[in-house]
Amino acid sequence: MKKEWFRRIGLGIGITLGLFAAATMFAEATRPYFHTSDFFRSGPRPPPQDAPATAVATLFSIDGDFLADYGTAKARQALEMTSINNMDRAAENKAAGQALVSALAVSPIRSATWLMLAMLKSRMGEPSEKILQMSYLTGPLPLDAAITRIQTVTTASIVSEDLRLLAGSDIRTILMHDPDYVSTLMKVYKQATPDGKTFLLEATQPLDPRLAGVLKRTD
């Protein structure tokens, strides 16, 4: 009796491991070739793909990288290739948001994925401040992504002092690593809300008073 019990347990474990291996192989075979790191790249990027098999693979995968790449591809479709039809636009935004949330549920330490989710929320007119805070708290971003994040912050309603403090890190990243930072921050400033412009002036004044003066003169 005891042997039979162990045999059944062993069989169950074997089947589970086999299914997991099959799901992993299927996910690898259908992995998007547009990756999270491609989303914020300023140069040429891989074209988008819409593979139904990839969507099926996400239902069984617990691979954070795979789910994040799929969510990134969906976010790109929603943010950059949106249909003119309002219903289609809403459906694209919802599908992309769900894909990003699924990736974060498995692997939450993903600053870029949080940022993409915040961009979607802002586009839909939904609160994004807490999501933006998570983007800052889960790690640094490369320069191109930091520029996008500060654009997202300054075009949203900035309420929290915590978010203002966190967003200052993007300003410092741009000043240190962007050789054309004046032009970059002028573009950000022109697109910003009145609150966003106030934040940019307050953040740049102690770091680069000359830059703050340049930004102020663009009004």
Protein backbone atom coordinates (compact mmCIF):
# COMPACT_ATOMS: atom_id res chain seq x y z
CA MET A 1 0.00 0.00 0.00
CA LYS A 2 2.79 2.36 0.98
CA LYS A 3 4.70 1.53 -2.20
CA GLU A 4 1.62 2.26 -4.30
CA TRP A 5 1.23 5.63 -2.54
CA PHE A 6 4.85 6.58 -3.28
CA ARG A 7 4.45 5.41 -6.87
CA ARG A 8 1.47 7.69 -7.38
CA ILE A 9 3.28 10.62 -5.83
CA GLY A 10 6.28 9.99 -8.08
CA LEU A 11 4.02 9.71 -11.12
CA GLY A 12 2.29 12.97 -10.22
CA ILE A 13 5.60 14.77 -9.78
CA GLY A 14 6.86 13.37 -13.08
CA ILE A 15 3.76 14.52 -14.95
CA THR A 16 3.98 17.97 -13.35
CA LEU A 17 7.64 18.36 -14.27
CA GLY A 18 6.93 17.13 -17.79
CA LEU A 19 4.13 19.66 -18.25
CA PHE A 20 6.33 22.42 -16.88
CA ALA A 21 9.14 21.49 -19.26
CA ALA A 22 6.73 21.39 -22.19
CA ALA A 23 5.30 24.79 -21.26
CA THR A 24 8.82 26.24 -20.98
CA MET A 25 9.82 24.87 -24.39
CA PHE A 26 6.62 26.22 -25.94
CA ALA A 27 7.25 29.65 -24.40
CA GLU A 28 10.81 29.70 -25.73
CA ALA A 29 9.62 28.74 -29.21
CA THR A 30 7.07 31.58 -29.23
CA ARG A 31 9.12 34.22 -27.38
CA PRO A 32 8.62 37.71 -28.92
CA TYR A 33 11.64 39.08 -30.73
CA PHE A 34 10.69 42.58 -29.54
CA HIS A 35 12.10 42.75 -26.02
CA THR A 36 11.59 45.09 -23.09
CA SER A 37 15.01 46.65 -23.72
CA ASP A 38 13.89 47.58 -27.26
CA PHE A 39 10.90 49.65 -26.15
CA PHE A 40 12.79 52.82 -25.22
CA ARG A 41 15.56 52.50 -27.79
CA SER A 42 15.94 55.67 -29.84
CA GLY A 43 17.44 53.92 -32.89
CA PRO A 44 15.99 51.22 -35.18
CA ARG A 45 13.89 48.65 -33.37
CA PRO A 46 12.58 45.20 -34.30
CA PRO A 47 9.16 45.29 -35.97
CA PRO A 48 6.14 44.31 -33.86
CA GLN A 49 4.65 40.85 -34.12
CA ASP A 50 1.21 39.52 -33.37
CA ALA A 51 1.58 35.78 -32.79
CA PRO A 52 -1.48 34.01 -31.33
CA ALA A 53 0.78 31.17 -30.14
CA THR A 54 2.67 33.63 -27.93
CA ALA A 55 -0.57 34.74 -26.29
CA VAL A 56 -1.42 31.10 -25.58
CA ALA A 57 2.03 30.50 -24.08
CA THR A 58 1.55 33.35 -21.59
CA LEU A 59 -1.35 31.45 -20.03
CA PHE A 60 1.01 28.74 -18.78
CA SER A 61 4.34 30.55 -18.38
CA ILE A 62 5.89 31.72 -15.12
CA ASP A 63 8.95 33.09 -16.92
CA GLY A 64 9.14 36.76 -15.91
CA ASP A 65 11.30 37.74 -18.91
CA PHE A 66 8.95 36.07 -21.37
CA LEU A 67 5.85 37.67 -19.83
CA ALA A 68 7.54 41.08 -19.68
CA ASP A 69 8.56 40.86 -23.35
CA TYR A 70 5.00 39.93 -24.32
CA GLY A 71 3.59 42.79 -22.24
CA THR A 72 6.09 45.15 -23.88
CA ALA A 73 4.99 44.09 -27.35
CA LYS A 74 1.34 44.64 -26.41
CA ALA A 75 2.16 48.04 -24.87
CA ARG A 76 3.93 49.09 -28.06
CA GLN A 77 0.88 48.15 -30.11
CA ALA A 78 -1.37 50.15 -27.79
CA LEU A 79 0.85 53.22 -27.45
CA GLU A 80 2.32 53.51 -30.95
CA MET A 81 -0.03 51.74 -33.36
CA THR A 82 -3.41 52.55 -31.94
CA SER A 83 -6.53 52.19 -34.03
CA ILE A 84 -8.51 55.31 -34.85
CA ASN A 85 -11.63 53.59 -33.52
CA ASN A 86 -12.20 54.45 -29.84
CA MET A 87 -13.50 50.99 -28.97
CA ASP A 88 -10.48 49.32 -30.55
CA ARG A 89 -8.18 51.76 -28.76
CA ALA A 90 -9.77 50.94 -25.40
CA ALA A 91 -9.49 47.21 -26.10
CA GLU A 92 -5.80 47.54 -27.05
CA ASN A 93 -5.06 49.54 -23.91
CA LYS A 94 -6.88 47.02 -21.73
CA ALA A 95 -5.12 44.02 -23.29
CA ALA A 96 -1.72 45.66 -22.94
CA GLY A 97 -2.42 46.64 -19.33
CA GLN A 98 -3.46 43.09 -18.44
CA ALA A 99 -0.32 41.67 -20.06
CA LEU A 100 1.92 44.05 -18.11
CA VAL A 101 0.12 43.33 -14.83
CA SER A 102 0.53 39.58 -15.43
CA ALA A 103 4.27 40.06 -15.93
CA LEU A 104 4.59 42.17 -12.78
CA ALA A 105 2.62 39.62 -10.76
CA VAL A 106 5.31 37.04 -11.54
CA SER A 107 8.32 39.38 -11.50
CA PRO A 108 7.62 42.76 -9.87
CA ILE A 109 11.19 44.13 -9.83
CA ARG A 110 10.89 45.57 -13.33
CA SER A 111 11.23 49.34 -13.49
CA ALA A 112 10.63 49.58 -17.25
CA THR A 113 7.49 47.43 -17.08
CA TRP A 114 6.04 49.61 -14.31
CA LEU A 115 6.79 52.66 -16.47
CA MET A 116 4.97 51.21 -19.47
CA LEU A 117 1.97 50.46 -17.28
CA ALA A 118 2.03 54.06 -16.01
CA MET A 119 2.17 55.33 -19.60
CA LEU A 120 -0.91 53.29 -20.47
CA LYS A 121 -2.78 54.49 -17.39
CA SER A 122 -1.94 58.12 -18.16
CA ARG A 123 -3.10 57.68 -21.73
CA MET A 124 -6.42 56.30 -20.51
CA GLY A 125 -6.83 59.17 -18.05
CA GLU A 126 -6.44 56.88 -15.04
CA PRO A 127 -4.27 57.55 -11.95
CA SER A 128 -0.65 56.64 -12.55
CA GLU A 129 1.24 58.23 -9.65
CA LYS A 130 1.59 55.10 -7.51
CA ILE A 131 2.64 53.08 -10.54
CA LEU A 132 5.28 55.67 -11.42
CA GLN A 133 6.58 55.47 -7.87
CA MET A 134 6.97 51.71 -8.30
CA SER A 135 9.00 52.33 -11.46
CA TYR A 136 11.43 54.46 -9.44
CA LEU A 137 11.55 52.11 -6.48
CA THR A 138 12.29 48.96 -8.49
CA GLY A 139 15.56 50.09 -10.03
CA PRO A 140 17.36 52.58 -12.28
CA LEU A 141 16.63 53.00 -15.98
CA PRO A 142 18.94 53.75 -18.93
CA LEU A 143 18.97 57.27 -20.37
CA ASP A 144 16.31 56.83 -23.08
CA ALA A 145 13.88 55.29 -20.60
CA ALA A 146 14.64 57.97 -17.99
CA ILE A 147 13.75 60.65 -20.54
CA THR A 148 10.45 58.90 -21.27
CA ARG A 149 9.73 58.57 -17.55
CA ILE A 150 10.30 62.26 -16.82
CA GLN A 151 8.03 63.08 -19.76
CA THR A 152 5.36 60.83 -18.25
CA VAL A 153 5.75 62.42 -14.81
CA THR A 154 5.62 66.00 -16.07
CA THR A 155 2.57 65.46 -18.28
CA ALA A 156 0.62 63.84 -15.43
CA SER A 157 -0.78 65.53 -12.33
CA ILE A 158 2.06 65.61 -9.83
CA VAL A 159 0.59 65.58 -6.34
CA SER A 160 2.94 63.60 -4.14
CA GLU A 161 6.12 65.14 -2.78
CA ASP A 162 7.54 61.60 -2.79
CA LEU A 163 7.14 61.41 -6.56
CA ARG A 164 8.79 64.80 -6.98
CA LEU A 165 11.78 63.62 -4.99
CA LEU A 166 12.04 60.37 -6.94
CA ALA A 167 11.68 62.12 -10.29
CA GLY A 168 14.70 64.26 -9.47
CA SER A 169 16.84 61.17 -10.17
CA ASP A 170 15.81 61.30 -13.84
CA ILE A 171 16.84 64.94 -14.05
CA ARG A 172 20.26 64.05 -12.66
CA THR A 173 20.60 61.11 -15.07
CA ILE A 174 19.85 63.35 -18.04
CA LEU A 175 22.26 66.06 -16.90
CA MET A 176 25.07 63.55 -16.36
CA HIS A 177 24.65 61.29 -19.39
CA ASP A 178 22.90 63.24 -22.16
CA PRO A 179 25.38 65.45 -24.07
CA ASP A 180 22.40 67.35 -25.53
CA TYR A 181 20.56 67.68 -22.22
CA VAL A 182 19.47 71.28 -22.80
CA SER A 183 17.57 70.35 -25.95
CA THR A 184 16.17 67.21 -24.30
CA LEU A 185 14.83 69.03 -21.26
CA MET A 186 13.48 71.89 -23.37
CA LYS A 187 11.34 69.35 -25.27
CA VAL A 188 10.17 67.84 -21.97
CA TYR A 189 9.39 71.30 -20.60
CA LYS A 190 7.32 72.34 -23.63
CA GLN A 191 5.13 69.23 -23.31
CA ALA A 192 4.70 69.49 -19.54
CA THR A 193 1.63 70.61 -17.64
CA PRO A 194 1.89 73.80 -15.55
CA ASP A 195 2.65 71.65 -12.48
CA GLY A 196 5.21 69.72 -14.51
CA LYS A 197 6.92 72.92 -15.62
CA THR A 198 7.08 74.16 -12.03
CA PHE A 199 8.66 70.87 -10.99
CA LEU A 200 11.25 71.02 -13.78
CA LEU A 201 12.26 74.56 -12.84
CA GLU A 202 12.53 73.66 -9.15
CA ALA A 203 14.50 70.49 -9.90
CA THR A 204 16.98 72.07 -12.33
CA GLN A 205 17.61 75.34 -10.45
CA PRO A 206 20.00 73.91 -7.81
CA LEU A 207 21.69 71.59 -10.32
CA ASP A 208 22.09 73.92 -13.29
CA PRO A 209 20.78 77.49 -12.79
CA ARG A 210 21.64 78.39 -16.39
CA LEU A 211 19.45 75.56 -17.68
CA ALA A 212 16.60 76.62 -15.39
CA GLY A 213 16.84 80.11 -16.88
CA VAL A 214 16.74 78.72 -20.42
CA LEU A 215 13.64 76.65 -19.61
CA LYS A 216 11.88 79.61 -18.03
CA ARG A 217 12.49 81.78 -21.10
CA THR A 218 10.72 79.22 -23.33
CA ASP A 219 7.33 80.11 -21.80
